[in-house]
N, C-alpha and C. Protein backbone atom coordinates (compact mmCIF):
# COMPACT_ATOMS: atom_id res chain seq x y z
N MET A 1 7.56 -173.41 114.24
CA MET A 1 5.74 -172.39 114.49
C MET A 1 5.65 -173.53 115.84
N SER A 2 5.10 -172.80 116.92
CA SER A 2 4.50 -173.26 118.22
C SER A 2 2.80 -173.57 118.35
N GLU A 3 2.78 -175.32 119.51
CA GLU A 3 1.86 -175.73 118.65
C GLU A 3 0.71 -175.46 118.68
N ASN A 4 0.78 -174.95 120.36
CA ASN A 4 -0.94 -173.26 120.52
C ASN A 4 -1.47 -173.81 119.30
N HIS A 5 -3.06 -173.45 120.15
CA HIS A 5 -3.96 -172.59 119.75
C HIS A 5 -4.02 -172.11 117.93
N SER A 6 -3.48 -170.63 119.05
CA SER A 6 -3.04 -169.43 118.02
C SER A 6 -2.01 -169.81 116.40
N GLY A 7 -1.16 -170.65 116.49
CA GLY A 7 -0.81 -171.56 115.61
C GLY A 7 -1.09 -172.20 114.91
N LYS A 8 -2.32 -172.77 115.54
CA LYS A 8 -2.98 -173.90 114.27
C LYS A 8 -3.61 -172.85 112.93
N GLN A 9 -3.34 -173.95 111.47
CA GLN A 9 -3.03 -173.30 110.33
C GLN A 9 -5.19 -173.89 109.57
N GLY A 10 -5.35 -172.99 108.89
CA GLY A 10 -6.49 -173.73 108.64
C GLY A 10 -6.43 -174.26 107.53
N ALA A 11 -7.06 -174.67 106.45
CA ALA A 11 -6.40 -174.99 104.93
C ALA A 11 -6.27 -173.96 103.95
N GLN A 12 -6.70 -172.74 104.26
CA GLN A 12 -6.37 -171.56 103.45
C GLN A 12 -4.68 -170.67 104.17
N GLY A 13 -3.92 -171.01 105.35
CA GLY A 13 -3.63 -170.74 106.08
C GLY A 13 -3.66 -170.15 106.84
N MET A 14 -4.82 -169.74 107.09
CA MET A 14 -5.29 -168.49 107.85
C MET A 14 -4.99 -169.04 109.09
N ASN A 15 -4.31 -168.62 110.74
CA ASN A 15 -4.54 -168.89 111.75
C ASN A 15 -5.30 -168.11 112.72
N GLY A 16 -5.07 -167.81 113.70
CA GLY A 16 -6.51 -167.19 115.00
C GLY A 16 -5.31 -165.89 114.85
N GLU A 17 -3.89 -166.01 115.26
CA GLU A 17 -3.49 -164.35 114.91
C GLU A 17 -4.17 -163.22 114.14
N ARG A 18 -4.25 -164.22 112.78
CA ARG A 18 -4.65 -163.82 111.79
C ARG A 18 -6.22 -163.15 111.82
N ALA A 19 -6.50 -164.38 112.33
CA ALA A 19 -8.44 -164.31 111.97
C ALA A 19 -8.48 -162.56 113.41
N ILE A 20 -7.74 -162.90 113.98
CA ILE A 20 -8.45 -161.49 115.35
C ILE A 20 -7.57 -160.30 114.19
N ALA A 21 -6.76 -160.96 113.54
CA ALA A 21 -5.74 -158.66 113.41
C ALA A 21 -7.12 -158.81 111.52
N ILE A 22 -7.44 -159.59 111.09
CA ILE A 22 -8.58 -158.77 110.26
C ILE A 22 -9.85 -158.59 111.14
N TYR A 23 -10.43 -159.62 112.24
CA TYR A 23 -11.56 -158.94 112.94
C TYR A 23 -10.65 -157.33 112.80
N GLU A 24 -10.06 -156.78 113.64
CA GLU A 24 -8.94 -155.17 114.15
C GLU A 24 -9.54 -154.69 112.94
N GLU A 25 -9.08 -155.34 111.85
CA GLU A 25 -9.14 -154.90 110.04
C GLU A 25 -10.32 -153.99 110.03
N ILE A 26 -10.87 -155.20 110.61
CA ILE A 26 -12.50 -154.56 110.02
C ILE A 26 -12.98 -153.04 111.21
N LEU A 27 -12.21 -153.82 111.80
CA LEU A 27 -12.70 -152.57 112.94
C LEU A 27 -12.87 -150.85 112.47
N GLY A 28 -11.21 -150.99 112.26
CA GLY A 28 -10.46 -149.96 111.94
C GLY A 28 -11.50 -149.41 110.28
N ILE A 29 -11.74 -150.12 109.40
CA ILE A 29 -12.49 -150.24 108.89
C ILE A 29 -13.91 -149.52 108.23
N VAL A 30 -14.34 -149.91 110.02
CA VAL A 30 -15.86 -149.27 110.17
C VAL A 30 -15.74 -147.97 110.81
N ASP A 31 -15.11 -147.60 111.59
CA ASP A 31 -14.38 -146.54 112.02
C ASP A 31 -13.90 -145.39 111.21
N GLN A 32 -13.87 -146.19 110.81
CA GLN A 32 -13.52 -144.79 109.38
C GLN A 32 -14.15 -144.53 108.68
N MET A 33 -15.70 -145.34 107.73
CA MET A 33 -17.35 -145.24 107.87
C MET A 33 -17.57 -144.87 108.44
N LEU A 34 -17.61 -144.65 109.78
CA LEU A 34 -18.51 -143.93 111.03
C LEU A 34 -18.30 -142.51 110.24
N ALA A 35 -16.19 -142.22 110.35
CA ALA A 35 -16.12 -140.54 110.37
C ALA A 35 -16.88 -140.24 109.61
N ALA A 36 -16.58 -141.00 108.18
CA ALA A 36 -17.25 -141.12 106.57
C ALA A 36 -18.79 -141.13 106.43
N ALA A 37 -19.88 -141.21 107.31
CA ALA A 37 -20.44 -141.40 107.72
C ALA A 37 -21.13 -139.65 108.56
N LYS A 38 -20.04 -139.63 109.08
CA LYS A 38 -21.06 -138.51 110.41
C LYS A 38 -20.81 -137.03 109.37
N LYS A 39 -19.83 -137.66 108.11
CA LYS A 39 -19.67 -136.04 107.30
C LYS A 39 -20.37 -136.07 105.73
N SER A 40 -21.27 -137.24 106.56
CA SER A 40 -21.84 -137.31 104.21
C SER A 40 -21.06 -137.68 103.70
N ASP A 41 -19.54 -138.05 103.56
CA ASP A 41 -18.87 -137.88 102.02
C ASP A 41 -19.29 -139.57 101.91
N TRP A 42 -20.51 -139.60 101.53
CA TRP A 42 -20.75 -140.35 101.03
C TRP A 42 -19.95 -142.00 100.16
N ASP A 43 -19.76 -140.55 99.12
CA ASP A 43 -18.30 -141.70 98.23
C ASP A 43 -17.74 -142.46 99.45
N ALA A 44 -16.79 -142.20 99.87
CA ALA A 44 -15.96 -142.78 100.63
C ALA A 44 -16.24 -143.66 101.93
N LEU A 45 -17.29 -143.70 101.84
CA LEU A 45 -18.51 -144.70 103.03
C LEU A 45 -18.49 -145.74 102.23
N VAL A 46 -18.53 -145.60 101.08
CA VAL A 46 -18.87 -147.10 99.84
C VAL A 46 -18.07 -147.10 99.27
N SER A 47 -16.98 -146.37 98.92
CA SER A 47 -15.00 -147.21 99.29
C SER A 47 -14.99 -147.98 100.31
N LEU A 48 -15.54 -147.85 101.25
CA LEU A 48 -14.40 -148.39 102.57
C LEU A 48 -15.15 -149.05 103.04
N GLU A 49 -16.87 -149.53 102.42
CA GLU A 49 -17.80 -150.15 102.73
C GLU A 49 -17.47 -151.85 101.22
N HIS A 50 -16.59 -151.83 100.60
CA HIS A 50 -16.38 -152.38 99.84
C HIS A 50 -14.75 -152.55 99.99
N THR A 51 -14.23 -152.72 101.07
CA THR A 51 -12.77 -153.23 101.53
C THR A 51 -13.27 -154.00 102.50
N CYS A 52 -14.53 -153.30 103.17
CA CYS A 52 -15.37 -154.21 104.59
C CYS A 52 -15.40 -155.00 104.87
N LYS A 53 -16.23 -155.71 102.98
CA LYS A 53 -16.87 -156.42 102.70
C LYS A 53 -15.37 -157.76 101.85
N GLN A 54 -14.78 -157.43 101.47
CA GLN A 54 -13.12 -157.89 101.41
C GLN A 54 -13.28 -159.18 102.03
N LEU A 55 -13.22 -157.86 103.18
CA LEU A 55 -12.14 -158.45 104.40
C LEU A 55 -12.51 -159.84 104.79
N VAL A 56 -14.48 -159.17 105.66
CA VAL A 56 -15.93 -160.76 106.31
C VAL A 56 -15.62 -161.72 105.04
N ASN A 57 -14.86 -161.94 103.91
CA ASN A 57 -15.36 -162.29 103.09
C ASN A 57 -14.48 -164.09 102.85
N GLN A 58 -12.89 -162.65 103.35
CA GLN A 58 -11.14 -163.78 103.83
C GLN A 58 -12.61 -164.74 104.72
N LEU A 59 -13.07 -163.77 105.86
CA LEU A 59 -13.97 -164.80 107.17
C LEU A 59 -14.23 -165.47 106.91
N MET A 60 -15.38 -165.12 106.05
CA MET A 60 -16.08 -166.10 106.11
C MET A 60 -15.82 -167.34 104.85
N ALA A 61 -15.05 -167.73 104.28
CA ALA A 61 -14.12 -168.32 103.42
C ALA A 61 -14.16 -169.90 104.51
N GLN A 62 -13.86 -170.01 105.88
CA GLN A 62 -13.47 -170.61 106.98
C GLN A 62 -13.44 -171.10 107.71
N ASP A 63 -14.58 -171.81 109.04
CA ASP A 63 -14.72 -171.62 109.94
C ASP A 63 -13.14 -171.08 111.47
N THR A 64 -12.75 -169.38 111.31
CA THR A 64 -12.02 -169.53 112.21
C THR A 64 -12.18 -169.86 113.64
N SER A 65 -13.92 -169.92 114.21
CA SER A 65 -13.54 -170.00 115.09
C SER A 65 -13.54 -171.29 115.72
N ALA A 66 -13.12 -172.65 114.86
CA ALA A 66 -11.83 -174.02 114.75
C ALA A 66 -10.66 -173.06 115.29
N LEU A 67 -10.03 -172.52 114.46
CA LEU A 67 -8.54 -171.63 114.85
C LEU A 67 -8.51 -170.97 116.36
N LEU A 68 -9.29 -170.76 116.92
CA LEU A 68 -9.27 -169.47 117.89
C LEU A 68 -8.99 -169.67 119.60
N ASP A 69 -8.01 -169.55 119.96
CA ASP A 69 -8.25 -170.67 121.43
C ASP A 69 -9.06 -169.47 122.56
N ALA A 70 -9.68 -170.16 123.43
CA ALA A 70 -10.30 -169.54 124.26
C ALA A 70 -9.97 -167.54 123.91
N PRO A 71 -8.67 -167.58 124.45
CA PRO A 71 -8.92 -166.45 125.14
C PRO A 71 -8.66 -165.24 123.81
N GLN A 72 -8.83 -165.26 122.64
CA GLN A 72 -8.92 -165.27 121.31
C GLN A 72 -10.03 -165.18 120.62
N GLN A 73 -10.72 -166.21 121.31
CA GLN A 73 -12.17 -165.51 120.77
C GLN A 73 -13.86 -165.30 121.65
N LYS A 74 -12.75 -164.91 122.85
CA LYS A 74 -13.12 -163.57 123.78
C LYS A 74 -12.75 -162.55 122.80
N LYS A 75 -11.44 -162.47 122.76
CA LYS A 75 -10.96 -161.16 121.70
C LYS A 75 -12.72 -160.61 120.39
N LYS A 76 -12.20 -161.94 119.70
CA LYS A 76 -13.28 -162.15 118.77
C LYS A 76 -14.91 -161.06 119.36
N VAL A 77 -15.46 -161.42 120.53
CA VAL A 77 -16.10 -161.37 120.41
C VAL A 77 -16.89 -160.09 120.71
N ALA A 78 -15.47 -159.69 121.38
CA ALA A 78 -15.48 -157.98 121.84
C ALA A 78 -15.98 -157.17 120.16
N LEU A 79 -14.47 -157.97 120.05
CA LEU A 79 -14.46 -156.82 118.29
C LEU A 79 -15.49 -156.66 117.23
N ILE A 80 -16.24 -158.18 117.23
CA ILE A 80 -17.80 -158.28 117.00
C ILE A 80 -18.81 -157.83 117.79
N GLY A 81 -18.77 -156.71 118.65
CA GLY A 81 -19.63 -156.65 118.93
C GLY A 81 -19.83 -154.86 119.19
N GLN A 82 -18.10 -154.10 118.94
CA GLN A 82 -17.06 -153.29 118.66
C GLN A 82 -17.90 -153.12 117.14
N ILE A 83 -18.09 -153.25 116.06
CA ILE A 83 -18.24 -153.64 115.16
C ILE A 83 -19.47 -153.14 114.64
N LEU A 84 -20.57 -154.26 115.34
CA LEU A 84 -22.23 -153.84 115.41
C LEU A 84 -22.82 -152.91 116.02
N ALA A 85 -22.37 -151.89 117.21
CA ALA A 85 -22.10 -151.47 117.14
C ALA A 85 -22.16 -149.82 116.44
N ARG A 86 -21.02 -150.17 116.36
CA ARG A 86 -20.52 -148.60 114.81
C ARG A 86 -21.82 -149.27 113.93
N ASP A 87 -21.54 -150.36 113.12
CA ASP A 87 -22.64 -150.31 112.08
C ASP A 87 -24.26 -149.86 112.36
N ALA A 88 -24.47 -149.96 113.67
CA ALA A 88 -25.85 -149.17 114.21
C ALA A 88 -25.62 -148.15 113.61
N GLU A 89 -24.94 -147.44 114.14
CA GLU A 89 -24.52 -145.28 114.73
C GLU A 89 -24.72 -145.67 113.30
N ILE A 90 -24.07 -146.37 112.20
CA ILE A 90 -23.79 -145.45 110.33
C ILE A 90 -25.05 -146.35 109.91
N ARG A 91 -25.82 -147.09 110.05
CA ARG A 91 -27.46 -147.31 109.69
C ARG A 91 -28.39 -145.66 110.42
N THR A 92 -28.35 -145.24 111.76
CA THR A 92 -29.05 -144.61 112.42
C THR A 92 -28.77 -143.33 111.71
N LEU A 93 -27.17 -143.29 110.93
CA LEU A 93 -26.65 -141.15 110.36
C LEU A 93 -26.69 -141.73 108.86
N THR A 94 -26.98 -143.23 107.94
CA THR A 94 -27.20 -143.22 106.91
C THR A 94 -28.91 -143.24 106.50
N GLU A 95 -29.77 -143.77 106.79
CA GLU A 95 -31.13 -143.91 106.69
C GLU A 95 -32.18 -142.86 106.41
N PRO A 96 -31.42 -141.73 106.98
CA PRO A 96 -32.42 -140.34 105.87
C PRO A 96 -31.62 -140.23 105.07
N HIS A 97 -30.01 -140.13 104.60
CA HIS A 97 -30.48 -140.25 103.42
C HIS A 97 -30.72 -140.41 102.34
N ILE A 98 -30.62 -142.02 102.26
CA ILE A 98 -31.56 -143.30 101.82
C ILE A 98 -32.84 -142.85 101.71
N THR A 99 -33.57 -142.27 102.61
CA THR A 99 -34.81 -141.77 102.08
C THR A 99 -35.04 -141.10 101.61
N HIS A 100 -34.53 -139.70 101.89
CA HIS A 100 -34.41 -138.68 101.09
C HIS A 100 -34.66 -139.53 99.11
N LEU A 101 -32.76 -139.39 99.19
CA LEU A 101 -32.69 -140.49 98.21
C LEU A 101 -34.06 -140.99 96.83
N GLN A 102 -34.98 -141.50 98.15
CA GLN A 102 -35.63 -143.03 98.12
C GLN A 102 -37.49 -141.97 97.63
N ASN A 103 -36.96 -140.30 97.86
CA ASN A 103 -37.74 -139.64 97.63
C ASN A 103 -37.79 -139.18 96.99
N ILE A 104 -36.19 -138.28 96.22
CA ILE A 104 -36.44 -137.82 95.16
C ILE A 104 -36.84 -138.85 94.27
N LEU A 105 -36.63 -139.60 94.04
CA LEU A 105 -36.35 -140.53 93.23
C LEU A 105 -37.67 -141.35 92.72
N THR A 106 -38.73 -141.59 94.06
CA THR A 106 -39.93 -141.11 93.39
C THR A 106 -40.66 -140.79 93.09
N HIS A 107 -40.90 -139.18 92.94
CA HIS A 107 -40.80 -137.71 92.26
C HIS A 107 -40.60 -137.98 91.15
N ASN A 108 -39.41 -138.31 90.76
CA ASN A 108 -38.43 -137.75 89.70
C ASN A 108 -39.85 -139.78 88.33
N SER A 109 -39.56 -140.22 88.95
CA SER A 109 -41.02 -141.49 88.52
C SER A 109 -41.77 -141.31 87.98
N ARG A 110 -42.69 -140.69 89.33
CA ARG A 110 -43.66 -140.42 89.14
C ARG A 110 -43.95 -138.93 87.87
N LYS A 111 -43.24 -137.97 88.20
CA LYS A 111 -43.53 -136.91 86.80
C LYS A 111 -42.61 -136.78 85.60
N ARG A 112 -41.82 -138.85 84.97
CA ARG A 112 -41.52 -138.90 83.87
C ARG A 112 -42.51 -139.38 83.29
N LEU A 113 -43.86 -140.44 84.44
CA LEU A 113 -44.83 -141.07 83.94
C LEU A 113 -45.71 -139.92 83.57
N LEU A 114 -46.12 -139.06 84.92
CA LEU A 114 -46.82 -138.26 84.00
C LEU A 114 -47.04 -137.37 82.85
N ASN A 115 -45.49 -136.93 82.70
CA ASN A 115 -45.29 -136.38 81.42
C ASN A 115 -45.45 -136.73 80.04
N GLN A 116 -44.94 -138.47 80.40
CA GLN A 116 -45.24 -139.61 79.77
C GLN A 116 -46.80 -139.50 79.08
N THR A 117 -47.79 -140.12 79.93
CA THR A 117 -48.84 -139.79 79.98
C THR A 117 -49.74 -138.57 79.72
N TYR A 118 -49.51 -137.64 79.55
CA TYR A 118 -50.89 -136.48 78.95
C TYR A 118 -49.47 -135.02 77.94
N GLN A 119 -48.00 -135.56 77.94
CA GLN A 119 -47.43 -134.73 76.99
C GLN A 119 -48.10 -135.27 75.28
N PRO A 120 -49.01 -134.49 74.61
CA PRO A 120 -49.56 -134.72 73.12
C PRO A 120 -48.42 -135.07 72.55
N ASP A 121 -48.64 -136.33 72.04
CA ASP A 121 -47.53 -136.90 70.98
C ASP A 121 -46.83 -136.18 69.55
N GLN A 122 -45.67 -135.74 69.57
CA GLN A 122 -44.65 -135.39 69.26
C GLN A 122 -44.78 -136.12 67.49
N GLU A 123 -45.33 -135.70 67.07
CA GLU A 123 -44.84 -136.28 64.88
C GLU A 123 -44.81 -135.08 64.00
């Protein structure tokens, strides 16, 4: 194994190259999430979100910045920027759907409460 920074290993065996590969994988999944949101495929979006969270947890398990050399740090920042931009697009697409669901749930809750309040007791 080489002695440069990209070959440095963390406590869990992750090196800079692996960390960058995970960021790239996250970006790919976020791209799929965006496509699912554009198609209103909420089941696929949720499934992809779980996969993405697992990858993020791998990165959060250790300080990857200590593993990255300067070019890798630069690449990491660029990847995170792309991930955040896509995440903002996803939120823009999902917020109206979430608001609609909240309205339905609120309406159903009020309807149930009214039924319980004004429905005569059944004996």
